[in-house]
Amino acid sequence: MSVVQTLILKIKAKTHLSDIIDQKIGEYQTAHRDVLCQLRALIHQVGANTAGCGQIVEALKWNQISFLTQKPKSGTTIRFDKNSSGTISLYVNCNTSLIERFRHHYPKDFTYIGTREVVLPADLSVVKTELAHMIAMALTYHQNKRNQI
């Protein structure tokens, strides 16, 4: 069993919300389920390896698969869902500066929509490093914002 699988099992043991997320992922077509499972594993892996990141909590927000930090609330909520073009997107709170920061770091690697959406490629392996960095920025958004004051 991989470290990521072990982390997911530990999270599932702590909360019934993981069952709800499992059910939600099961509602997607197979290709999207695979991408969402990869994203879920990546969130937990990045959270476990990011200094100052709070405990990752899984939830449904706006009926979207969501991940937030608690104890401490170091970051902003990250959500994933199918977008209008039929692929998967990453969503963050539109009142953060995250999309602007993502665009600055990765102007050509992703398509950005407004101030809250990043359209993800079907093959996450081509942007895994970049995506992990973006996830780390979101998971520590509030912590880093406080440190800049």
C-alpha atoms as a PDB file:
ATOM      1  CA  MET A   1       0.000   0.000   0.000  1.00  0.00           C
ATOM      2  CA  SER A   2       1.371   3.438  -0.936  1.00  0.00           C
ATOM      3  CA  VAL A   3       1.786   6.330   1.479  1.00  0.00           C
ATOM      4  CA  VAL A   4      -1.070   8.171  -0.245  1.00  0.00           C
ATOM      5  CA  GLN A   5      -3.407   5.171   0.074  1.00  0.00           C
ATOM      6  CA  THR A   6      -2.479   4.908   3.753  1.00  0.00           C
ATOM      7  CA  LEU A   7      -3.242   8.618   4.266  1.00  0.00           C
ATOM      8  CA  ILE A   8      -6.624   8.273   2.592  1.00  0.00           C
ATOM      9  CA  LEU A   9      -7.473   5.261   4.752  1.00  0.00           C
ATOM     10  CA  LYS A  10      -6.556   7.207   7.895  1.00  0.00           C
ATOM     11  CA  ILE A  11      -8.758  10.105   6.811  1.00  0.00           C
ATOM     12  CA  LYS A  12     -11.640   7.745   6.028  1.00  0.00           C
ATOM     13  CA  ALA A  13     -11.333   6.150   9.451  1.00  0.00           C
ATOM     14  CA  LYS A  14     -11.750   9.544  11.102  1.00  0.00           C
ATOM     15  CA  THR A  15     -14.828  10.804   9.301  1.00  0.00           C
ATOM     16  CA  HIS A  16     -17.985   9.642   7.593  1.00  0.00           C
ATOM     17  CA  LEU A  17     -17.678  12.578   5.179  1.00  0.00           C
ATOM     18  CA  SER A  18     -15.215  10.510   3.188  1.00  0.00           C
ATOM     19  CA  ASP A  19     -18.075   8.099   2.475  1.00  0.00           C
ATOM     20  CA  ILE A  20     -20.081  11.008   1.096  1.00  0.00           C
ATOM     21  CA  ILE A  21     -17.114  12.028  -1.080  1.00  0.00           C
ATOM     22  CA  ASP A  22     -16.775   8.413  -2.278  1.00  0.00           C
ATOM     23  CA  GLN A  23     -20.447   8.465  -3.265  1.00  0.00           C
ATOM     24  CA  LYS A  24     -20.076  11.792  -5.042  1.00  0.00           C
ATOM     25  CA  ILE A  25     -17.027  10.574  -6.991  1.00  0.00           C
ATOM     26  CA  GLY A  26     -19.032   7.484  -7.947  1.00  0.00           C
ATOM     27  CA  GLU A  27     -21.585   9.721  -9.702  1.00  0.00           C
ATOM     28  CA  TYR A  28     -19.025  10.801 -12.322  1.00  0.00           C
ATOM     29  CA  GLN A  29     -18.141   8.929 -15.499  1.00  0.00           C
ATOM     30  CA  THR A  30     -15.121   6.625 -15.227  1.00  0.00           C
ATOM     31  CA  ALA A  31     -12.532   9.010 -16.717  1.00  0.00           C
ATOM     32  CA  HIS A  32     -13.579  11.782 -14.327  1.00  0.00           C
ATOM     33  CA  ARG A  33     -13.638   9.384 -11.366  1.00  0.00           C
ATOM     34  CA  ASP A  34     -10.021   8.490 -12.055  1.00  0.00           C
ATOM     35  CA  VAL A  35      -8.997  12.166 -12.234  1.00  0.00           C
ATOM     36  CA  LEU A  36     -10.914  13.003  -9.049  1.00  0.00           C
ATOM     37  CA  CYS A  37      -9.299  10.099  -7.190  1.00  0.00           C
ATOM     38  CA  GLN A  38      -5.860  11.292  -8.332  1.00  0.00           C
ATOM     39  CA  LEU A  39      -6.684  14.838  -7.181  1.00  0.00           C
ATOM     40  CA  ARG A  40      -7.953  13.597  -3.827  1.00  0.00           C
ATOM     41  CA  ALA A  41      -4.762  11.626  -3.251  1.00  0.00           C
ATOM     42  CA  LEU A  42      -2.625  14.587  -4.346  1.00  0.00           C
ATOM     43  CA  ILE A  43      -4.421  16.946  -1.926  1.00  0.00           C
ATOM     44  CA  HIS A  44      -3.711  14.630   1.007  1.00  0.00           C
ATOM     45  CA  GLN A  45      -0.127  14.022  -0.100  1.00  0.00           C
ATOM     46  CA  VAL A  46       0.597  17.735  -0.513  1.00  0.00           C
ATOM     47  CA  GLY A  47      -1.110  18.527   2.797  1.00  0.00           C
ATOM     48  CA  ALA A  48       0.986  15.929   4.618  1.00  0.00           C
ATOM     49  CA  ASN A  49       4.188  17.346   3.113  1.00  0.00           C
ATOM     50  CA  THR A  50       3.459  21.076   3.443  1.00  0.00           C
ATOM     51  CA  ALA A  51       4.770  22.837   6.535  1.00  0.00           C
ATOM     52  CA  GLY A  52       2.047  24.655   8.470  1.00  0.00           C
ATOM     53  CA  CYS A  53      -0.817  23.000   6.624  1.00  0.00           C
ATOM     54  CA  GLY A  54      -3.781  22.250   8.858  1.00  0.00           C
ATOM     55  CA  GLN A  55      -5.616  18.932   8.984  1.00  0.00           C
ATOM     56  CA  ILE A  56      -7.330  18.227   5.652  1.00  0.00           C
ATOM     57  CA  VAL A  57     -11.100  17.832   5.929  1.00  0.00           C
ATOM     58  CA  GLU A  58     -13.209  16.534   3.052  1.00  0.00           C
ATOM     59  CA  ALA A  59     -16.676  17.963   2.468  1.00  0.00           C
ATOM     60  CA  LEU A  60     -19.303  18.774  -0.122  1.00  0.00           C
ATOM     61  CA  LYS A  61     -19.685  22.516  -0.716  1.00  0.00           C
ATOM     62  CA  TRP A  62     -22.098  23.701  -3.376  1.00  0.00           C
ATOM     63  CA  ASN A  63     -22.418  19.986  -4.154  1.00  0.00           C
ATOM     64  CA  GLN A  64     -18.754  19.978  -5.211  1.00  0.00           C
ATOM     65  CA  ILE A  65     -15.989  17.791  -3.819  1.00  0.00           C
ATOM     66  CA  SER A  66     -14.150  20.085  -1.407  1.00  0.00           C
ATOM     67  CA  PHE A  67     -11.077  20.068   0.780  1.00  0.00           C
ATOM     68  CA  LEU A  68     -10.418  22.528   3.579  1.00  0.00           C
ATOM     69  CA  THR A  69      -7.952  22.858   6.409  1.00  0.00           C
ATOM     70  CA  GLN A  70      -8.719  22.834  10.118  1.00  0.00           C
ATOM     71  CA  LYS A  71      -6.591  22.944  13.258  1.00  0.00           C
ATOM     72  CA  PRO A  72      -5.242  25.363  12.103  1.00  0.00           C
ATOM     73  CA  LYS A  73      -7.311  26.855   9.295  1.00  0.00           C
ATOM     74  CA  SER A  74      -4.208  27.511   7.263  1.00  0.00           C
ATOM     75  CA  GLY A  75      -5.786  27.592   3.819  1.00  0.00           C
ATOM     76  CA  THR A  76      -8.787  28.285   1.688  1.00  0.00           C
ATOM     77  CA  THR A  77     -11.219  25.668   0.420  1.00  0.00           C
ATOM     78  CA  ILE A  78     -10.268  23.824  -2.768  1.00  0.00           C
ATOM     79  CA  ARG A  79     -13.152  22.393  -4.795  1.00  0.00           C
ATOM     80  CA  PHE A  80     -13.253  20.110  -7.837  1.00  0.00           C
ATOM     81  CA  ASP A  81     -16.094  19.553 -10.278  1.00  0.00           C
ATOM     82  CA  LYS A  82     -16.936  18.992 -13.904  1.00  0.00           C
ATOM     83  CA  ASN A  83     -16.966  22.306 -15.762  1.00  0.00           C
ATOM     84  CA  SER A  84     -19.096  23.568 -18.648  1.00  0.00           C
ATOM     85  CA  SER A  85     -16.709  22.089 -21.231  1.00  0.00           C
ATOM     86  CA  GLY A  86     -17.043  18.618 -19.685  1.00  0.00           C
ATOM     87  CA  THR A  87     -13.596  18.385 -18.090  1.00  0.00           C
ATOM     88  CA  ILE A  88     -12.573  18.789 -14.435  1.00  0.00           C
ATOM     89  CA  SER A  89     -11.681  22.149 -12.904  1.00  0.00           C
ATOM     90  CA  LEU A  90     -10.144  23.275  -9.640  1.00  0.00           C
ATOM     91  CA  TYR A  91     -12.089  26.066  -7.907  1.00  0.00           C
ATOM     92  CA  VAL A  92     -11.008  28.454  -5.147  1.00  0.00           C
ATOM     93  CA  ASN A  93     -12.736  31.344  -3.415  1.00  0.00           C
ATOM     94  CA  CYS A  94     -12.967  34.240  -5.874  1.00  0.00           C
ATOM     95  CA  ASN A  95     -12.069  36.723  -3.113  1.00  0.00           C
ATOM     96  CA  THR A  96      -8.546  35.301  -2.801  1.00  0.00           C
ATOM     97  CA  SER A  97      -5.545  36.288  -4.901  1.00  0.00           C
ATOM     98  CA  LEU A  98      -4.816  32.651  -5.725  1.00  0.00           C
ATOM     99  CA  ILE A  99      -5.832  32.603  -9.396  1.00  0.00           C
ATOM    100  CA  GLU A 100      -3.701  35.697  -9.990  1.00  0.00           C
ATOM    101  CA  ARG A 101      -0.765  33.940  -8.293  1.00  0.00           C
ATOM    102  CA  PHE A 102      -1.368  30.719 -10.237  1.00  0.00           C
ATOM    103  CA  ARG A 103      -1.401  32.710 -13.497  1.00  0.00           C
ATOM    104  CA  HIS A 104       1.858  34.398 -12.503  1.00  0.00           C
ATOM    105  CA  HIS A 105       3.611  31.072 -11.843  1.00  0.00           C
ATOM    106  CA  TYR A 106       2.012  29.027 -14.640  1.00  0.00           C
ATOM    107  CA  PRO A 107       0.701  31.355 -17.367  1.00  0.00           C
ATOM    108  CA  LYS A 108       0.699  28.761 -20.161  1.00  0.00           C
ATOM    109  CA  ASP A 109       0.196  25.488 -18.301  1.00  0.00           C
ATOM    110  CA  PHE A 110      -3.499  25.933 -17.479  1.00  0.00           C
ATOM    111  CA  THR A 111      -6.607  27.729 -18.670  1.00  0.00           C
ATOM    112  CA  TYR A 112      -7.977  30.152 -16.083  1.00  0.00           C
ATOM    113  CA  ILE A 113     -11.568  31.343 -15.962  1.00  0.00           C
ATOM    114  CA  GLY A 114     -12.279  34.464 -13.970  1.00  0.00           C
ATOM    115  CA  THR A 115     -10.960  34.671 -10.433  1.00  0.00           C
ATOM    116  CA  ARG A 116     -11.961  31.216  -9.227  1.00  0.00           C
ATOM    117  CA  GLU A 117     -11.429  28.459 -11.818  1.00  0.00           C
ATOM    118  CA  VAL A 118      -8.489  26.521 -13.218  1.00  0.00           C
ATOM    119  CA  VAL A 119      -9.346  24.087 -16.017  1.00  0.00           C
ATOM    120  CA  LEU A 120      -7.296  20.924 -15.558  1.00  0.00           C
ATOM    121  CA  PRO A 121      -5.958  18.708 -18.347  1.00  0.00           C
ATOM    122  CA  ALA A 122      -7.322  15.175 -18.652  1.00  0.00           C
ATOM    123  CA  ASP A 123      -3.807  13.843 -18.049  1.00  0.00           C
ATOM    124  CA  LEU A 124      -2.718  15.245 -14.690  1.00  0.00           C
ATOM    125  CA  SER A 125       0.725  13.670 -14.947  1.00  0.00           C
ATOM    126  CA  VAL A 126       1.876  16.436 -17.314  1.00  0.00           C
ATOM    127  CA  VAL A 127       1.186  19.124 -14.679  1.00  0.00           C
ATOM    128  CA  LYS A 128       1.538  17.189 -11.420  1.00  0.00           C
ATOM    129  CA  THR A 129       4.402  19.314 -10.047  1.00  0.00           C
ATOM    130  CA  GLU A 130       2.688  22.576 -10.964  1.00  0.00           C
ATOM    131  CA  LEU A 131      -0.650  21.379  -9.597  1.00  0.00           C
ATOM    132  CA  ALA A 132       0.965  20.256  -6.330  1.00  0.00           C
ATOM    133  CA  HIS A 133       2.473  23.743  -5.935  1.00  0.00           C
ATOM    134  CA  MET A 134      -0.916  25.368  -6.582  1.00  0.00           C
ATOM    135  CA  ILE A 135      -2.571  23.069  -4.031  1.00  0.00           C
ATOM    136  CA  ALA A 136       0.119  23.908  -1.452  1.00  0.00           C
ATOM    137  CA  MET A 137      -0.477  27.626  -2.046  1.00  0.00           C
ATOM    138  CA  ALA A 138      -4.211  27.158  -1.465  1.00  0.00           C
ATOM    139  CA  LEU A 139      -3.750  24.938   1.609  1.00  0.00           C
ATOM    140  CA  THR A 140      -1.561  27.610   3.233  1.00  0.00           C
ATOM    141  CA  TYR A 141      -3.262  30.722   1.832  1.00  0.00           C
ATOM    142  CA  HIS A 142      -4.448  32.155   5.174  1.00  0.00           C
ATOM    143  CA  GLN A 143      -1.227  31.238   6.961  1.00  0.00           C
ATOM    144  CA  ASN A 144       0.875  32.934   4.293  1.00  0.00           C
ATOM    145  CA  LYS A 145      -1.451  35.942   4.202  1.00  0.00           C
ATOM    146  CA  ARG A 146      -1.036  36.375   7.988  1.00  0.00           C
ATOM    147  CA  ASN A 147       2.743  36.062   7.671  1.00  0.00           C
ATOM    148  CA  GLN A 148       2.852  38.864   5.086  1.00  0.00           C
ATOM    149  CA  ILE A 149       1.176  41.382   7.415  1.00  0.00           C
END
